[in-house]
Amino acid sequence: MPARAAAGRHVLNTLTTVLKAAERAAHWHSAQRRKGTAQEPYINHLLEVARLVAEATGGHDPNLVVAALLHDAIEDQPVSRAAIAQEFGEDVAALVMEATDDKSLPKEQRKRLQVEHAAEKSPRAALLKLADKTSNLATMAVSPPANWGMSRRLEYVQWARDVAAGLRVENAWLQERFADAADAAERAARG
């Protein structure tokens, strides 16, 4: 019975940590909306990325799920790496940092660097990045930004494919989700 109780406590601690991360993400991104015409709450994106990561890993990497929930906190909000490390541990903070763009750089340079550095991502960060791109493309298919014409939408899809091509992800399930999302976004852009 003690082993069973310990296993139960571990599961409870893991669930509590994931839910705490979801709560923090919802708080940190509370005023943020997606760019699409639906203007959905940004937390929807973070939850979708976390779900994709959880499904891709069979639920066996809770720190990666937590990092998925927090992956835009440093990039988009006044949240520091140290704050994430203190609350969720060094592993989560390192994963979030691998997924974070340097917003001090011009947008086109950040996009180019994502393609150039994709192959350098750790396998776990690459999986997170692919889940992020999958979510973005799925949203692009149903709720693109109102001011994005066909050409810009198609450029985004190609850029996401270029990033994904460089990522070292050996997860057929997630790669298939990405391909489906990219195809749907392309079809929607072409009308």
N, C-alpha and C. Protein backbone atom coordinates (compact mmCIF):
# COMPACT_ATOMS: atom_id res chain seq x y z
N MET A 1 0.80 -1.21 0.00
CA MET A 1 0.00 0.00 0.00
C MET A 1 0.85 1.28 0.00
N PRO A 2 1.99 1.32 0.71
CA PRO A 2 2.78 2.55 0.67
C PRO A 2 3.22 2.93 -0.74
N ALA A 3 3.59 1.96 -1.59
CA ALA A 3 4.00 2.27 -2.96
C ALA A 3 2.83 2.86 -3.74
N ARG A 4 1.66 2.31 -3.53
CA ARG A 4 0.47 2.82 -4.22
C ARG A 4 0.14 4.24 -3.76
N ALA A 5 0.27 4.48 -2.46
CA ALA A 5 0.03 5.82 -1.93
C ALA A 5 1.04 6.82 -2.49
N ALA A 6 2.29 6.40 -2.57
CA ALA A 6 3.34 7.27 -3.12
C ALA A 6 3.05 7.58 -4.59
N ALA A 7 2.63 6.58 -5.35
CA ALA A 7 2.29 6.79 -6.76
C ALA A 7 1.12 7.76 -6.88
N GLY A 8 0.15 7.62 -6.01
CA GLY A 8 -1.00 8.53 -6.02
C GLY A 8 -0.59 9.96 -5.71
N ARG A 9 0.32 10.13 -4.74
CA ARG A 9 0.81 11.46 -4.41
C ARG A 9 1.57 12.06 -5.59
N HIS A 10 2.35 11.23 -6.28
CA HIS A 10 3.11 11.71 -7.45
C HIS A 10 2.15 12.21 -8.53
N VAL A 11 1.11 11.44 -8.81
CA VAL A 11 0.13 11.85 -9.82
C VAL A 11 -0.55 13.15 -9.40
N LEU A 12 -0.92 13.25 -8.12
CA LEU A 12 -1.56 14.46 -7.62
C LEU A 12 -0.62 15.66 -7.74
N ASN A 13 0.65 15.48 -7.37
CA ASN A 13 1.62 16.56 -7.48
C ASN A 13 1.80 16.99 -8.93
N THR A 14 1.84 16.02 -9.84
CA THR A 14 1.99 16.33 -11.26
C THR A 14 0.79 17.11 -11.77
N LEU A 15 -0.41 16.64 -11.46
CA LEU A 15 -1.62 17.34 -11.90
C LEU A 15 -1.69 18.74 -11.31
N THR A 16 -1.32 18.86 -10.05
CA THR A 16 -1.34 20.17 -9.39
C THR A 16 -0.37 21.13 -10.08
N THR A 17 0.81 20.65 -10.43
CA THR A 17 1.79 21.49 -11.10
C THR A 17 1.29 21.93 -12.48
N VAL A 18 0.71 21.01 -13.23
CA VAL A 18 0.19 21.35 -14.57
C VAL A 18 -0.94 22.38 -14.44
N LEU A 19 -1.83 22.16 -13.49
CA LEU A 19 -2.94 23.10 -13.31
C LEU A 19 -2.45 24.46 -12.80
N LYS A 20 -1.43 24.45 -11.96
CA LYS A 20 -0.83 25.71 -11.50
C LYS A 20 -0.24 26.48 -12.69
N ALA A 21 0.41 25.76 -13.58
CA ALA A 21 0.97 26.41 -14.78
C ALA A 21 -0.15 26.97 -15.66
N ALA A 22 -1.24 26.24 -15.80
CA ALA A 22 -2.37 26.72 -16.59
C ALA A 22 -2.96 27.98 -15.95
N GLU A 23 -3.06 27.96 -14.64
CA GLU A 23 -3.58 29.13 -13.92
C GLU A 23 -2.65 30.34 -14.11
N ARG A 24 -1.35 30.12 -13.99
CA ARG A 24 -0.38 31.21 -14.18
C ARG A 24 -0.46 31.74 -15.62
N ALA A 25 -0.51 30.83 -16.57
CA ALA A 25 -0.58 31.25 -17.98
C ALA A 25 -1.85 32.07 -18.22
N ALA A 26 -2.97 31.63 -17.67
CA ALA A 26 -4.22 32.38 -17.84
C ALA A 26 -4.11 33.77 -17.23
N HIS A 27 -3.46 33.86 -16.09
CA HIS A 27 -3.28 35.16 -15.45
C HIS A 27 -2.33 36.05 -16.26
N TRP A 28 -1.17 35.50 -16.64
CA TRP A 28 -0.18 36.29 -17.36
C TRP A 28 -0.67 36.76 -18.71
N HIS A 29 -1.50 35.97 -19.37
CA HIS A 29 -1.97 36.30 -20.72
C HIS A 29 -3.43 36.77 -20.73
N SER A 30 -3.96 37.18 -19.58
CA SER A 30 -5.39 37.49 -19.46
C SER A 30 -5.87 38.59 -20.41
N ALA A 31 -5.02 39.55 -20.71
CA ALA A 31 -5.43 40.64 -21.59
C ALA A 31 -5.07 40.39 -23.05
N GLN A 32 -4.46 39.27 -23.33
CA GLN A 32 -3.97 38.98 -24.68
C GLN A 32 -5.01 38.18 -25.47
N ARG A 33 -5.18 38.53 -26.73
CA ARG A 33 -6.10 37.83 -27.63
C ARG A 33 -5.32 37.30 -28.81
N ARG A 34 -5.85 36.25 -29.46
CA ARG A 34 -5.24 35.77 -30.70
C ARG A 34 -5.45 36.82 -31.78
N LYS A 35 -4.61 36.78 -32.83
CA LYS A 35 -4.67 37.78 -33.90
C LYS A 35 -5.81 37.53 -34.88
N GLY A 36 -6.39 36.36 -34.85
CA GLY A 36 -7.42 36.00 -35.83
C GLY A 36 -8.71 36.76 -35.67
N THR A 37 -9.57 36.62 -36.67
CA THR A 37 -10.84 37.34 -36.68
C THR A 37 -11.71 36.98 -35.47
N ALA A 38 -11.57 35.78 -34.92
CA ALA A 38 -12.37 35.37 -33.76
C ALA A 38 -11.90 36.04 -32.48
N GLN A 39 -10.66 36.57 -32.48
CA GLN A 39 -10.12 37.24 -31.29
C GLN A 39 -10.26 36.39 -30.03
N GLU A 40 -10.00 35.10 -30.16
CA GLU A 40 -10.17 34.21 -29.01
C GLU A 40 -9.13 34.50 -27.93
N PRO A 41 -9.44 34.18 -26.69
CA PRO A 41 -8.47 34.39 -25.61
C PRO A 41 -7.18 33.62 -25.90
N TYR A 42 -6.05 34.24 -25.59
CA TYR A 42 -4.76 33.64 -25.89
C TYR A 42 -4.54 32.32 -25.15
N ILE A 43 -5.16 32.18 -23.99
CA ILE A 43 -4.99 30.94 -23.23
C ILE A 43 -5.45 29.73 -24.04
N ASN A 44 -6.38 29.91 -24.96
CA ASN A 44 -6.82 28.79 -25.81
C ASN A 44 -5.65 28.20 -26.58
N HIS A 45 -4.77 29.08 -27.09
CA HIS A 45 -3.59 28.62 -27.82
C HIS A 45 -2.66 27.84 -26.89
N LEU A 46 -2.40 28.37 -25.72
CA LEU A 46 -1.49 27.72 -24.79
C LEU A 46 -2.02 26.35 -24.36
N LEU A 47 -3.32 26.28 -24.13
CA LEU A 47 -3.94 24.99 -23.76
C LEU A 47 -3.86 24.00 -24.91
N GLU A 48 -4.06 24.48 -26.14
CA GLU A 48 -3.98 23.58 -27.29
C GLU A 48 -2.56 23.04 -27.47
N VAL A 49 -1.56 23.90 -27.33
CA VAL A 49 -0.18 23.45 -27.45
C VAL A 49 0.14 22.44 -26.36
N ALA A 50 -0.32 22.70 -25.14
CA ALA A 50 -0.09 21.76 -24.03
C ALA A 50 -0.77 20.42 -24.30
N ARG A 51 -1.98 20.45 -24.84
CA ARG A 51 -2.69 19.20 -25.16
C ARG A 51 -1.95 18.42 -26.24
N LEU A 52 -1.49 19.12 -27.27
CA LEU A 52 -0.75 18.44 -28.34
C LEU A 52 0.52 17.79 -27.79
N VAL A 53 1.24 18.50 -26.93
CA VAL A 53 2.45 17.96 -26.32
C VAL A 53 2.11 16.74 -25.44
N ALA A 54 1.05 16.87 -24.65
CA ALA A 54 0.65 15.76 -23.78
C ALA A 54 0.29 14.53 -24.60
N GLU A 55 -0.47 14.72 -25.67
CA GLU A 55 -0.84 13.58 -26.52
C GLU A 55 0.38 13.00 -27.23
N ALA A 56 1.26 13.87 -27.72
CA ALA A 56 2.44 13.39 -28.44
C ALA A 56 3.38 12.58 -27.54
N THR A 57 3.41 12.91 -26.27
CA THR A 57 4.31 12.21 -25.33
C THR A 57 3.58 11.14 -24.53
N GLY A 58 2.32 10.92 -24.82
CA GLY A 58 1.55 9.95 -24.06
C GLY A 58 1.41 10.35 -22.60
N GLY A 59 1.56 11.63 -22.31
CA GLY A 59 1.44 12.13 -20.95
C GLY A 59 2.65 11.82 -20.08
N HIS A 60 3.75 11.37 -20.68
CA HIS A 60 4.92 10.94 -19.91
C HIS A 60 5.95 12.04 -19.68
N ASP A 61 5.65 13.28 -20.07
CA ASP A 61 6.61 14.37 -19.86
C ASP A 61 5.86 15.59 -19.32
N PRO A 62 5.45 15.54 -18.04
CA PRO A 62 4.68 16.66 -17.50
C PRO A 62 5.42 17.99 -17.52
N ASN A 63 6.75 17.98 -17.38
CA ASN A 63 7.48 19.24 -17.46
C ASN A 63 7.36 19.87 -18.84
N LEU A 64 7.31 19.06 -19.87
CA LEU A 64 7.14 19.60 -21.22
C LEU A 64 5.73 20.17 -21.39
N VAL A 65 4.74 19.55 -20.77
CA VAL A 65 3.37 20.08 -20.80
C VAL A 65 3.33 21.44 -20.10
N VAL A 66 4.00 21.52 -18.94
CA VAL A 66 4.06 22.79 -18.21
C VAL A 66 4.77 23.84 -19.07
N ALA A 67 5.87 23.47 -19.70
CA ALA A 67 6.59 24.42 -20.57
C ALA A 67 5.70 24.86 -21.73
N ALA A 68 4.89 23.96 -22.26
CA ALA A 68 3.97 24.33 -23.34
C ALA A 68 2.98 25.39 -22.87
N LEU A 69 2.49 25.25 -21.66
CA LEU A 69 1.57 26.25 -21.12
C LEU A 69 2.24 27.61 -20.93
N LEU A 70 3.52 27.58 -20.66
CA LEU A 70 4.26 28.81 -20.34
C LEU A 70 5.14 29.30 -21.48
N HIS A 71 5.08 28.66 -22.64
CA HIS A 71 6.08 28.90 -23.68
C HIS A 71 6.13 30.33 -24.22
N ASP A 72 5.07 31.10 -24.07
CA ASP A 72 5.08 32.48 -24.56
C ASP A 72 5.16 33.51 -23.43
N ALA A 73 5.31 33.07 -22.19
CA ALA A 73 5.29 33.99 -21.05
C ALA A 73 6.44 34.98 -21.09
N ILE A 74 7.63 34.52 -21.36
CA ILE A 74 8.80 35.42 -21.40
C ILE A 74 8.75 36.30 -22.64
N GLU A 75 8.35 35.70 -23.75
CA GLU A 75 8.33 36.43 -25.02
C GLU A 75 7.27 37.51 -25.07
N ASP A 76 6.09 37.23 -24.51
CA ASP A 76 4.95 38.14 -24.67
C ASP A 76 4.57 38.92 -23.42
N GLN A 77 5.06 38.52 -22.27
CA GLN A 77 4.65 39.12 -21.01
C GLN A 77 5.88 39.49 -20.18
N PRO A 78 5.70 40.34 -19.17
CA PRO A 78 6.85 40.70 -18.33
C PRO A 78 7.14 39.62 -17.28
N VAL A 79 7.46 38.43 -17.77
CA VAL A 79 7.78 37.29 -16.90
C VAL A 79 9.23 36.92 -17.16
N SER A 80 9.98 36.70 -16.12
CA SER A 80 11.40 36.39 -16.28
C SER A 80 11.65 34.89 -16.26
N ARG A 81 12.77 34.52 -16.83
CA ARG A 81 13.21 33.12 -16.77
C ARG A 81 13.36 32.69 -15.32
N ALA A 82 13.91 33.58 -14.49
CA ALA A 82 14.12 33.27 -13.08
C ALA A 82 12.79 32.98 -12.37
N ALA A 83 11.75 33.74 -12.70
CA ALA A 83 10.45 33.51 -12.07
C ALA A 83 9.91 32.13 -12.44
N ILE A 84 10.07 31.74 -13.69
CA ILE A 84 9.60 30.42 -14.12
C ILE A 84 10.43 29.33 -13.44
N ALA A 85 11.74 29.51 -13.40
CA ALA A 85 12.62 28.52 -12.75
C ALA A 85 12.28 28.37 -11.27
N GLN A 86 12.04 29.47 -10.61
CA GLN A 86 11.74 29.42 -9.18
C GLN A 86 10.44 28.67 -8.91
N GLU A 87 9.45 28.89 -9.74
CA GLU A 87 8.14 28.30 -9.51
C GLU A 87 7.97 26.91 -10.11
N PHE A 88 8.63 26.66 -11.26
CA PHE A 88 8.39 25.40 -11.96
C PHE A 88 9.65 24.58 -12.22
N GLY A 89 10.80 25.09 -11.83
CA GLY A 89 12.03 24.33 -11.95
C GLY A 89 12.86 24.71 -13.16
N GLU A 90 14.13 24.33 -13.09
CA GLU A 90 15.10 24.67 -14.12
C GLU A 90 14.78 24.01 -15.46
N ASP A 91 14.30 22.76 -15.43
CA ASP A 91 13.98 22.05 -16.67
C ASP A 91 12.92 22.80 -17.45
N VAL A 92 11.86 23.22 -16.79
CA VAL A 92 10.78 23.96 -17.45
C VAL A 92 11.31 25.29 -17.98
N ALA A 93 12.06 26.00 -17.15
CA ALA A 93 12.60 27.30 -17.57
C ALA A 93 13.49 27.17 -18.81
N ALA A 94 14.32 26.13 -18.84
CA ALA A 94 15.20 25.92 -20.00
C ALA A 94 14.39 25.63 -21.26
N LEU A 95 13.33 24.84 -21.14
CA LEU A 95 12.48 24.55 -22.29
C LEU A 95 11.78 25.81 -22.79
N VAL A 96 11.28 26.61 -21.86
CA VAL A 96 10.61 27.86 -22.24
C VAL A 96 11.60 28.77 -22.97
N MET A 97 12.83 28.86 -22.45
CA MET A 97 13.83 29.70 -23.10
C MET A 97 14.14 29.22 -24.52
N GLU A 98 14.18 27.91 -24.73
CA GLU A 98 14.44 27.39 -26.08
C GLU A 98 13.33 27.76 -27.05
N ALA A 99 12.12 27.97 -26.53
CA ALA A 99 10.97 28.30 -27.38
C ALA A 99 10.76 29.81 -27.51
N THR A 100 11.58 30.60 -26.84
CA THR A 100 11.39 32.05 -26.78
C THR A 100 12.20 32.78 -27.84
N ASP A 101 11.52 33.65 -28.58
CA ASP A 101 12.18 34.53 -29.54
C ASP A 101 12.68 35.77 -28.81
N ASP A 102 13.71 36.37 -29.36
CA ASP A 102 14.24 37.62 -28.84
C ASP A 102 13.45 38.76 -29.46
N LYS A 103 12.50 39.32 -28.71
CA LYS A 103 11.62 40.36 -29.24
C LYS A 103 12.34 41.68 -29.50
N SER A 104 13.60 41.80 -29.08
CA SER A 104 14.34 43.02 -29.38
C SER A 104 14.80 43.05 -30.84
N LEU A 105 14.73 41.90 -31.51
CA LEU A 105 15.13 41.81 -32.92
C LEU A 105 13.94 42.12 -33.82
N PRO A 106 14.19 42.61 -35.02
CA PRO A 106 13.10 42.84 -35.97
C PRO A 106 12.39 41.52 -36.31
N LYS A 107 11.10 41.63 -36.60
CA LYS A 107 10.27 40.45 -36.86
C LYS A 107 10.85 39.54 -37.94
N GLU A 108 11.28 40.11 -39.06
CA GLU A 108 11.82 39.29 -40.15
C GLU A 108 13.08 38.55 -39.73
N GLN A 109 13.91 39.17 -38.92
CA GLN A 109 15.11 38.51 -38.42
C GLN A 109 14.74 37.36 -37.47
N ARG A 110 13.75 37.60 -36.60
CA ARG A 110 13.29 36.53 -35.69
C ARG A 110 12.77 35.34 -36.49
N LYS A 111 12.01 35.60 -37.53
CA LYS A 111 11.47 34.52 -38.35
C LYS A 111 12.60 33.75 -39.03
N ARG A 112 13.57 34.47 -39.57
CA ARG A 112 14.71 33.83 -40.23
C ARG A 112 15.49 32.98 -39.24
N LEU A 113 15.69 33.50 -38.05
CA LEU A 113 16.45 32.76 -37.02
C LEU A 113 15.72 31.50 -36.57
N GLN A 114 14.39 31.53 -36.55
CA GLN A 114 13.64 30.31 -36.21
C GLN A 114 13.94 29.20 -37.20
N VAL A 115 14.01 29.55 -38.48
CA VAL A 115 14.33 28.55 -39.51
C VAL A 115 15.77 28.09 -39.35
N GLU A 116 16.68 29.04 -39.21
CA GLU A 116 18.11 28.71 -39.12
C GLU A 116 18.47 27.89 -37.89
N HIS A 117 17.79 28.13 -36.77
CA HIS A 117 18.15 27.46 -35.51
C HIS A 117 17.25 26.27 -35.17
N ALA A 118 16.34 25.93 -36.05
CA ALA A 118 15.41 24.83 -35.76
C ALA A 118 16.14 23.53 -35.44
N ALA A 119 17.15 23.21 -36.21
CA ALA A 119 17.87 21.94 -36.03
C ALA A 119 18.68 21.91 -34.74
N GLU A 120 18.90 23.07 -34.13
CA GLU A 120 19.69 23.14 -32.89
C GLU A 120 18.85 22.91 -31.64
N LYS A 121 17.54 22.87 -31.78
CA LYS A 121 16.66 22.68 -30.62
C LYS A 121 16.86 21.28 -30.05
N SER A 122 16.75 21.20 -28.74
CA SER A 122 16.77 19.88 -28.11
C SER A 122 15.53 19.12 -28.59
N PRO A 123 15.53 17.79 -28.53
CA PRO A 123 14.36 17.04 -29.01
C PRO A 123 13.05 17.46 -28.34
N ARG A 124 13.09 17.74 -27.04
CA ARG A 124 11.86 18.13 -26.34
C ARG A 124 11.41 19.53 -26.76
N ALA A 125 12.35 20.46 -26.89
CA ALA A 125 11.99 21.81 -27.33
C ALA A 125 11.51 21.79 -28.78
N ALA A 126 12.07 20.92 -29.59
CA ALA A 126 11.62 20.80 -30.98
C ALA A 126 10.18 20.30 -31.03
N LEU A 127 9.84 19.37 -30.16
CA LEU A 127 8.46 18.86 -30.11
C LEU A 127 7.52 19.99 -29.69
N LEU A 128 7.93 20.77 -28.71
CA LEU A 128 7.14 21.92 -28.26
C LEU A 128 6.96 22.92 -29.40
N LYS A 129 8.02 23.21 -30.11
CA LYS A 129 7.97 24.15 -31.23
C LYS A 129 7.02 23.65 -32.32
N LEU A 130 7.08 22.35 -32.61
CA LEU A 130 6.20 21.79 -33.64
C LEU A 130 4.74 21.85 -33.19
N ALA A 131 4.48 21.61 -31.92
CA ALA A 131 3.11 21.73 -31.40
C ALA A 131 2.63 23.17 -31.51
N ASP A 132 3.50 24.12 -31.21
CA ASP A 132 3.17 25.55 -31.31
C ASP A 132 2.81 25.91 -32.76
N LYS A 133 3.63 25.48 -33.70
CA LYS A 133 3.35 25.77 -35.11
C LYS A 133 2.06 25.09 -35.57
N THR A 134 1.81 23.89 -35.07
CA THR A 134 0.59 23.16 -35.42
C THR A 134 -0.63 23.94 -34.96
N SER A 135 -0.59 24.42 -33.73
CA SER A 135 -1.71 25.20 -33.19
C SER A 135 -1.91 26.48 -33.99
N ASN A 136 -0.82 27.17 -34.29
CA ASN A 136 -0.93 28.42 -35.06
C ASN A 136 -1.54 28.19 -36.43
N LEU A 137 -1.13 27.12 -37.09
CA LEU A 137 -1.67 26.83 -38.43
C LEU A 137 -3.13 26.41 -38.36
N ALA A 138 -3.49 25.63 -37.35
CA ALA A 138 -4.90 25.21 -37.19
C ALA A 138 -5.78 26.44 -37.01
N THR A 139 -5.31 27.40 -36.25
CA THR A 139 -6.07 28.63 -36.06
C THR A 139 -6.10 29.45 -37.34
N MET A 140 -4.98 29.50 -38.05
CA MET A 140 -4.91 30.24 -39.30
C MET A 140 -5.96 29.72 -40.31
N ALA A 141 -6.23 28.44 -40.27
CA ALA A 141 -7.19 27.86 -41.21
C ALA A 141 -8.62 28.33 -40.94
N VAL A 142 -8.96 28.58 -39.67
CA VAL A 142 -10.34 28.92 -39.34
C VAL A 142 -10.54 30.37 -38.91
N SER A 143 -9.45 31.03 -38.48
CA SER A 143 -9.58 32.41 -37.99
C SER A 143 -8.30 33.19 -38.28
N PRO A 144 -8.04 33.46 -39.56
CA PRO A 144 -6.82 34.22 -39.90
C PRO A 144 -6.98 35.68 -39.49
N PRO A 145 -5.86 36.37 -39.30
CA PRO A 145 -5.97 37.81 -39.05
C PRO A 145 -6.73 38.49 -40.19
N ALA A 146 -7.62 39.39 -39.83
CA ALA A 146 -8.49 40.03 -40.82
C ALA A 146 -7.71 40.77 -41.90
N ASN A 147 -6.56 41.33 -41.54
CA ASN A 147 -5.82 42.14 -42.51
C ASN A 147 -4.77 41.33 -43.28
N TRP A 148 -4.80 40.01 -43.15
CA TRP A 148 -3.85 39.16 -43.88
C TRP A 148 -4.52 38.63 -45.15
N GLY A 149 -4.01 39.04 -46.28
CA GLY A 149 -4.51 38.53 -47.55
C GLY A 149 -3.95 37.15 -47.85
N MET A 150 -4.35 36.63 -49.01
CA MET A 150 -3.93 35.29 -49.39
C MET A 150 -2.41 35.15 -49.41
N SER A 151 -1.72 36.09 -49.98
CA SER A 151 -0.27 36.00 -50.12
C SER A 151 0.42 35.92 -48.75
N ARG A 152 0.02 36.77 -47.83
CA ARG A 152 0.66 36.75 -46.51
C ARG A 152 0.35 35.45 -45.76
N ARG A 153 -0.86 34.96 -45.90
CA ARG A 153 -1.22 33.69 -45.25
C ARG A 153 -0.41 32.54 -45.83
N LEU A 154 -0.26 32.52 -47.15
CA LEU A 154 0.53 31.46 -47.78
C LEU A 154 2.00 31.56 -47.39
N GLU A 155 2.51 32.77 -47.27
CA GLU A 155 3.90 32.96 -46.81
C GLU A 155 4.07 32.42 -45.40
N TYR A 156 3.08 32.66 -44.54
CA TYR A 156 3.15 32.16 -43.17
C TYR A 156 3.18 30.63 -43.15
N VAL A 157 2.32 30.02 -43.94
CA VAL A 157 2.27 28.55 -44.01
C VAL A 157 3.63 28.01 -44.47
N GLN A 158 4.20 28.62 -45.50
CA GLN A 158 5.50 28.15 -45.99
C GLN A 158 6.59 28.33 -44.94
N TRP A 159 6.56 29.46 -44.26
CA TRP A 159 7.55 29.71 -43.20
C TRP A 159 7.42 28.67 -42.10
N ALA A 160 6.20 28.38 -41.68
CA ALA A 160 5.98 27.36 -40.64
C ALA A 160 6.49 26.00 -41.12
N ARG A 161 6.26 25.69 -42.38
CA ARG A 161 6.77 24.43 -42.93
C ARG A 161 8.30 24.42 -42.94
N ASP A 162 8.91 25.55 -43.24
CA ASP A 162 10.37 25.64 -43.24
C ASP A 162 10.93 25.43 -41.83
N VAL A 163 10.29 26.03 -40.83
CA VAL A 163 10.72 25.82 -39.44
C VAL A 163 10.58 24.34 -39.09
N ALA A 164 9.42 23.78 -39.38
CA ALA A 164 9.15 22.38 -39.04
C ALA A 164 10.12 21.43 -39.73
N ALA A 165 10.51 21.74 -40.94
CA ALA A 165 11.43 20.87 -41.68
C ALA A 165 12.78 20.77 -40.98
N GLY A 166 13.17 21.82 -40.28
CA GLY A 166 14.45 21.80 -39.58
C GLY A 166 14.40 21.18 -38.20
N LEU A 167 13.23 21.05 -37.63
CA LEU A 167 13.10 20.50 -36.29
C LEU A 167 13.36 19.00 -36.30
N ARG A 168 14.11 18.53 -35.32
CA ARG A 168 14.38 17.09 -35.21
C ARG A 168 13.33 16.45 -34.30
N VAL A 169 12.16 16.22 -34.88
CA VAL A 169 11.05 15.62 -34.14
C VAL A 169 10.79 14.24 -34.71
N GLU A 170 10.90 13.25 -33.85
CA GLU A 170 10.60 11.87 -34.28
C GLU A 170 9.31 11.42 -33.62
N ASN A 171 8.24 12.06 -34.02
CA ASN A 171 6.92 11.75 -33.49
C ASN A 171 5.94 11.81 -34.65
N ALA A 172 5.64 10.66 -35.20
CA ALA A 172 4.79 10.60 -36.40
C ALA A 172 3.42 11.20 -36.15
N TRP A 173 2.88 10.99 -34.95
CA TRP A 173 1.54 11.50 -34.64
C TRP A 173 1.52 13.03 -34.76
N LEU A 174 2.49 13.70 -34.11
CA LEU A 174 2.51 15.16 -34.14
C LEU A 174 2.88 15.68 -35.53
N GLN A 175 3.78 15.00 -36.22
CA GLN A 175 4.13 15.41 -37.57
C GLN A 175 2.91 15.35 -38.49
N GLU A 176 2.07 14.35 -38.28
CA GLU A 176 0.84 14.24 -39.08
C GLU A 176 -0.13 15.37 -38.74
N ARG A 177 -0.26 15.70 -37.45
CA ARG A 177 -1.12 16.82 -37.05
C ARG A 177 -0.63 18.12 -37.70
N PHE A 178 0.71 18.30 -37.69
CA PHE A 178 1.28 19.50 -38.31
C PHE A 178 0.96 19.54 -39.80
N ALA A 179 1.20 18.45 -40.50
CA ALA A 179 0.94 18.40 -41.94
C ALA A 179 -0.53 18.69 -42.24
N ASP A 180 -1.43 18.12 -41.46
CA ASP A 180 -2.86 18.37 -41.64
C ASP A 180 -3.20 19.84 -41.44
N ALA A 181 -2.62 20.44 -40.39
CA ALA A 181 -2.89 21.85 -40.09
C ALA A 181 -2.33 22.75 -41.19
N ALA A 182 -1.13 22.44 -41.67
CA ALA A 182 -0.53 23.24 -42.74
C ALA A 182 -1.36 23.14 -44.01
N ASP A 183 -1.79 21.94 -44.35
CA ASP A 183 -2.62 21.76 -45.55
C ASP A 183 -3.94 22.51 -45.42
N ALA A 184 -4.56 22.44 -44.23
CA ALA A 184 -5.83 23.14 -44.03
C ALA A 184 -5.66 24.64 -44.11
N ALA A 185 -4.57 25.16 -43.53
CA ALA A 185 -4.31 26.60 -43.60
C ALA A 185 -4.07 27.05 -45.04
N GLU A 186 -3.35 26.22 -45.80
CA GLU A 186 -3.10 26.56 -47.21
C GLU A 186 -4.40 26.54 -48.01
N ARG A 187 -5.22 25.51 -47.80
CA ARG A 187 -6.49 25.43 -48.52
C ARG A 187 -7.38 26.64 -48.19
N ALA A 188 -7.43 27.00 -46.91
CA ALA A 188 -8.26 28.13 -46.48
C ALA A 188 -7.76 29.43 -47.09
N ALA A 189 -6.45 29.59 -47.17
CA ALA A 189 -5.88 30.82 -47.74
C ALA A 189 -6.21 30.94 -49.22
N ARG A 190 -6.20 29.81 -49.90
CA ARG A 190 -6.48 29.84 -51.34
C ARG A 190 -7.98 29.99 -51.63
N GLY A 191 -8.79 29.77 -50.57
CA GLY A 191 -10.23 29.98 -50.68
C GLY A 191 -10.90 28.94 -51.51
